[in-house]
Amino acid sequence: MCWMYCKENKVPFISACASETHGFVDVNPDEKRLKDQFQIGEANEQNLIVSEVIAGFVIDETRKVLMPLNPKEKVISKTLKYDLAGDNRF
């Protein structure tokens, strides 16, 4: 599993999931959070807008790992949550 490889080799692991109204992005999630994300993804259909927004965040977090624009730029340390139906989407 990619997660185990990343953990053993200290490589950042970026995980994401999307549903009809919510999306989540994590960098180096613990095993429980990773399982929760898989369950959310398997149990729900994805909304195109939510999926596109989450994919954009994944791309930016990947860029930060591979090509940071400045030395102070770091990947997220907490779960990034997106709520399509919420007043405050992030």
N, C-alpha and C. Protein backbone atom coordinates (compact mmCIF):
# COMPACT_ATOMS: atom_id res chain seq x y z
N MET A 1 0.85 -1.19 0.00
CA MET A 1 0.00 0.00 0.00
C MET A 1 0.89 1.24 0.00
N CYS A 2 0.50 2.24 -0.77
CA CYS A 2 1.29 3.48 -0.88
C CYS A 2 1.48 4.15 0.47
N TRP A 3 0.44 4.14 1.30
CA TRP A 3 0.51 4.79 2.60
C TRP A 3 1.63 4.20 3.46
N MET A 4 1.75 2.89 3.46
CA MET A 4 2.79 2.21 4.25
C MET A 4 4.18 2.56 3.70
N TYR A 5 4.33 2.56 2.39
CA TYR A 5 5.61 2.92 1.77
C TYR A 5 6.01 4.33 2.18
N CYS A 6 5.09 5.27 2.07
CA CYS A 6 5.38 6.66 2.41
C CYS A 6 5.75 6.80 3.88
N LYS A 7 5.02 6.13 4.73
CA LYS A 7 5.29 6.19 6.17
C LYS A 7 6.68 5.62 6.48
N GLU A 8 7.01 4.48 5.91
CA GLU A 8 8.30 3.83 6.16
C GLU A 8 9.48 4.63 5.60
N ASN A 9 9.26 5.31 4.48
CA ASN A 9 10.33 6.05 3.81
C ASN A 9 10.28 7.56 4.02
N LYS A 10 9.39 8.00 4.90
CA LYS A 10 9.25 9.42 5.24
C LYS A 10 9.01 10.29 4.00
N VAL A 11 8.12 9.79 3.15
CA VAL A 11 7.70 10.51 1.95
C VAL A 11 6.30 11.05 2.23
N PRO A 12 6.00 12.31 1.97
CA PRO A 12 4.65 12.82 2.22
C PRO A 12 3.59 12.03 1.44
N PHE A 13 2.52 11.71 2.12
CA PHE A 13 1.39 10.98 1.51
C PHE A 13 0.19 11.92 1.50
N ILE A 14 -0.35 12.18 0.33
CA ILE A 14 -1.50 13.07 0.20
C ILE A 14 -2.73 12.23 -0.09
N SER A 15 -3.73 12.39 0.75
CA SER A 15 -4.97 11.62 0.64
C SER A 15 -6.14 12.58 0.45
N ALA A 16 -7.10 12.18 -0.35
CA ALA A 16 -8.26 13.03 -0.59
C ALA A 16 -9.49 12.19 -0.87
N CYS A 17 -10.66 12.76 -0.58
CA CYS A 17 -11.91 12.11 -0.94
C CYS A 17 -12.95 13.19 -1.20
N ALA A 18 -13.98 12.80 -1.92
CA ALA A 18 -15.06 13.73 -2.24
C ALA A 18 -16.38 12.98 -2.21
N SER A 19 -17.43 13.70 -1.83
CA SER A 19 -18.78 13.14 -1.85
C SER A 19 -19.68 14.13 -2.59
N GLU A 20 -20.98 14.01 -2.41
CA GLU A 20 -21.92 14.92 -3.08
C GLU A 20 -21.72 16.38 -2.65
N THR A 21 -21.41 16.61 -1.37
CA THR A 21 -21.32 17.98 -0.87
C THR A 21 -20.03 18.30 -0.14
N HIS A 22 -19.22 17.30 0.20
CA HIS A 22 -18.02 17.53 1.01
C HIS A 22 -16.78 16.96 0.34
N GLY A 23 -15.64 17.53 0.69
CA GLY A 23 -14.36 16.99 0.26
C GLY A 23 -13.34 17.22 1.34
N PHE A 24 -12.33 16.35 1.38
CA PHE A 24 -11.28 16.42 2.39
C PHE A 24 -9.93 16.16 1.75
N VAL A 25 -8.90 16.85 2.23
CA VAL A 25 -7.53 16.59 1.82
C VAL A 25 -6.69 16.50 3.08
N ASP A 26 -5.84 15.48 3.16
CA ASP A 26 -4.92 15.30 4.27
C ASP A 26 -3.53 15.02 3.73
N VAL A 27 -2.53 15.48 4.45
CA VAL A 27 -1.16 15.11 4.17
C VAL A 27 -0.68 14.30 5.37
N ASN A 28 -0.22 13.10 5.12
CA ASN A 28 0.22 12.16 6.15
C ASN A 28 -0.86 11.87 7.19
N PRO A 29 -2.05 11.45 6.74
CA PRO A 29 -3.11 11.13 7.72
C PRO A 29 -2.77 9.87 8.50
N ASP A 30 -3.34 9.77 9.70
CA ASP A 30 -3.16 8.52 10.44
C ASP A 30 -4.06 7.45 9.82
N GLU A 31 -3.88 6.22 10.25
CA GLU A 31 -4.58 5.10 9.63
C GLU A 31 -6.09 5.22 9.77
N LYS A 32 -6.57 5.69 10.93
CA LYS A 32 -8.01 5.85 11.14
C LYS A 32 -8.59 6.87 10.17
N ARG A 33 -7.93 8.00 10.02
CA ARG A 33 -8.42 9.05 9.12
C ARG A 33 -8.44 8.53 7.67
N LEU A 34 -7.42 7.79 7.30
CA LEU A 34 -7.36 7.24 5.95
C LEU A 34 -8.51 6.28 5.70
N LYS A 35 -8.81 5.41 6.65
CA LYS A 35 -9.94 4.48 6.51
C LYS A 35 -11.26 5.23 6.44
N ASP A 36 -11.39 6.29 7.25
CA ASP A 36 -12.61 7.11 7.21
C ASP A 36 -12.81 7.72 5.83
N GLN A 37 -11.72 8.21 5.23
CA GLN A 37 -11.82 8.81 3.90
C GLN A 37 -12.23 7.77 2.86
N PHE A 38 -11.66 6.58 2.94
CA PHE A 38 -12.04 5.54 1.98
C PHE A 38 -13.52 5.18 2.11
N GLN A 39 -14.02 5.14 3.33
CA GLN A 39 -15.44 4.83 3.54
C GLN A 39 -16.33 5.93 2.97
N ILE A 40 -15.94 7.17 3.16
CA ILE A 40 -16.71 8.29 2.60
C ILE A 40 -16.74 8.18 1.08
N GLY A 41 -15.59 7.91 0.48
CA GLY A 41 -15.50 7.81 -0.97
C GLY A 41 -16.28 6.65 -1.54
N GLU A 42 -16.27 5.52 -0.85
CA GLU A 42 -16.98 4.34 -1.33
C GLU A 42 -18.49 4.45 -1.15
N ALA A 43 -18.94 5.16 -0.12
CA ALA A 43 -20.35 5.21 0.22
C ALA A 43 -21.12 6.30 -0.53
N ASN A 44 -20.42 7.20 -1.19
CA ASN A 44 -21.09 8.34 -1.80
C ASN A 44 -20.66 8.53 -3.25
N GLU A 45 -21.57 9.13 -4.02
CA GLU A 45 -21.19 9.57 -5.36
C GLU A 45 -20.48 10.90 -5.22
N GLN A 46 -19.58 11.17 -6.16
CA GLN A 46 -18.85 12.42 -6.13
C GLN A 46 -19.57 13.48 -6.94
N ASN A 47 -19.52 14.69 -6.44
CA ASN A 47 -20.02 15.85 -7.15
C ASN A 47 -18.88 16.40 -7.99
N LEU A 48 -19.13 16.75 -9.23
CA LEU A 48 -18.09 17.22 -10.13
C LEU A 48 -17.37 18.45 -9.58
N ILE A 49 -18.11 19.41 -9.05
CA ILE A 49 -17.49 20.63 -8.53
C ILE A 49 -16.62 20.32 -7.32
N VAL A 50 -17.15 19.52 -6.39
CA VAL A 50 -16.37 19.16 -5.20
C VAL A 50 -15.09 18.43 -5.61
N SER A 51 -15.21 17.49 -6.54
CA SER A 51 -14.04 16.73 -7.00
C SER A 51 -12.99 17.64 -7.64
N GLU A 52 -13.44 18.61 -8.43
CA GLU A 52 -12.50 19.52 -9.08
C GLU A 52 -11.79 20.42 -8.06
N VAL A 53 -12.52 20.91 -7.07
CA VAL A 53 -11.91 21.76 -6.04
C VAL A 53 -10.88 20.95 -5.25
N ILE A 54 -11.26 19.75 -4.84
CA ILE A 54 -10.34 18.90 -4.07
C ILE A 54 -9.11 18.53 -4.90
N ALA A 55 -9.31 18.22 -6.18
CA ALA A 55 -8.18 17.90 -7.06
C ALA A 55 -7.21 19.08 -7.16
N GLY A 56 -7.75 20.29 -7.20
CA GLY A 56 -6.89 21.48 -7.23
C GLY A 56 -6.04 21.59 -5.98
N PHE A 57 -6.62 21.29 -4.82
CA PHE A 57 -5.85 21.32 -3.58
C PHE A 57 -4.77 20.24 -3.56
N VAL A 58 -5.12 19.06 -4.06
CA VAL A 58 -4.13 17.97 -4.12
C VAL A 58 -2.96 18.37 -5.01
N ILE A 59 -3.25 18.97 -6.15
CA ILE A 59 -2.18 19.41 -7.05
C ILE A 59 -1.30 20.44 -6.38
N ASP A 60 -1.90 21.39 -5.66
CA ASP A 60 -1.09 22.42 -5.00
C ASP A 60 -0.25 21.84 -3.87
N GLU A 61 -0.80 20.90 -3.10
CA GLU A 61 -0.01 20.28 -2.03
C GLU A 61 1.13 19.45 -2.63
N THR A 62 0.88 18.80 -3.75
CA THR A 62 1.94 18.03 -4.43
C THR A 62 3.03 18.97 -4.92
N ARG A 63 2.63 20.11 -5.47
CA ARG A 63 3.61 21.11 -5.92
C ARG A 63 4.47 21.58 -4.76
N LYS A 64 3.87 21.79 -3.59
CA LYS A 64 4.63 22.24 -2.41
C LYS A 64 5.70 21.23 -2.03
N VAL A 65 5.40 19.93 -2.20
CA VAL A 65 6.38 18.88 -1.88
C VAL A 65 7.49 18.86 -2.92
N LEU A 66 7.11 18.89 -4.20
CA LEU A 66 8.08 18.74 -5.28
C LEU A 66 8.81 20.02 -5.67
N MET A 67 8.12 21.16 -5.55
CA MET A 67 8.67 22.40 -6.05
C MET A 67 8.18 23.59 -5.22
N PRO A 68 8.61 23.69 -3.95
CA PRO A 68 8.15 24.83 -3.14
C PRO A 68 8.63 26.16 -3.75
N LEU A 69 7.76 27.16 -3.70
CA LEU A 69 8.09 28.45 -4.28
C LEU A 69 8.98 29.29 -3.37
N ASN A 70 8.94 29.00 -2.07
CA ASN A 70 9.85 29.65 -1.14
C ASN A 70 10.11 28.70 0.04
N PRO A 71 11.19 28.89 0.78
CA PRO A 71 11.56 27.96 1.84
C PRO A 71 10.54 27.86 2.98
N LYS A 72 9.73 28.88 3.16
CA LYS A 72 8.75 28.87 4.25
C LYS A 72 7.45 28.16 3.88
N GLU A 73 7.28 27.85 2.61
CA GLU A 73 6.05 27.20 2.16
C GLU A 73 6.03 25.74 2.59
N LYS A 74 4.99 25.36 3.30
CA LYS A 74 4.85 23.99 3.82
C LYS A 74 3.51 23.41 3.41
N VAL A 75 3.43 22.07 3.40
CA VAL A 75 2.15 21.42 3.13
C VAL A 75 1.22 21.62 4.32
N ILE A 76 -0.07 21.38 4.11
CA ILE A 76 -1.04 21.55 5.18
C ILE A 76 -0.73 20.60 6.34
N SER A 77 -1.04 21.04 7.55
CA SER A 77 -0.79 20.19 8.72
C SER A 77 -2.08 19.67 9.32
N LYS A 78 -3.20 20.23 8.91
CA LYS A 78 -4.52 19.77 9.37
C LYS A 78 -5.35 19.38 8.17
N THR A 79 -6.42 18.65 8.42
CA THR A 79 -7.32 18.25 7.34
C THR A 79 -7.95 19.49 6.71
N LEU A 80 -7.85 19.59 5.40
CA LEU A 80 -8.51 20.65 4.67
C LEU A 80 -9.90 20.14 4.32
N LYS A 81 -10.92 20.89 4.71
CA LYS A 81 -12.31 20.47 4.47
C LYS A 81 -13.00 21.46 3.55
N TYR A 82 -13.76 20.93 2.62
CA TYR A 82 -14.54 21.76 1.70
C TYR A 82 -15.99 21.32 1.79
N ASP A 83 -16.90 22.30 1.94
CA ASP A 83 -18.33 22.01 2.06
C ASP A 83 -19.08 22.83 1.02
N LEU A 84 -19.53 22.17 -0.03
CA LEU A 84 -20.23 22.84 -1.12
C LEU A 84 -21.50 23.52 -0.64
N ALA A 85 -22.18 22.92 0.34
CA ALA A 85 -23.46 23.44 0.80
C ALA A 85 -23.33 24.47 1.93
N GLY A 86 -22.14 24.63 2.47
CA GLY A 86 -21.96 25.52 3.63
C GLY A 86 -21.83 26.98 3.25
N ASP A 87 -22.16 27.85 4.21
CA ASP A 87 -21.98 29.29 4.00
C ASP A 87 -20.49 29.63 3.88
N ASN A 88 -19.68 28.95 4.68
CA ASN A 88 -18.24 29.10 4.64
C ASN A 88 -17.68 27.79 4.07
N ARG A 89 -17.37 27.77 2.81
CA ARG A 89 -17.04 26.51 2.12
C ARG A 89 -15.74 25.87 2.58
N PHE A 90 -14.84 26.61 3.20
CA PHE A 90 -13.57 26.04 3.65
C PHE A 90 -13.46 26.10 5.15
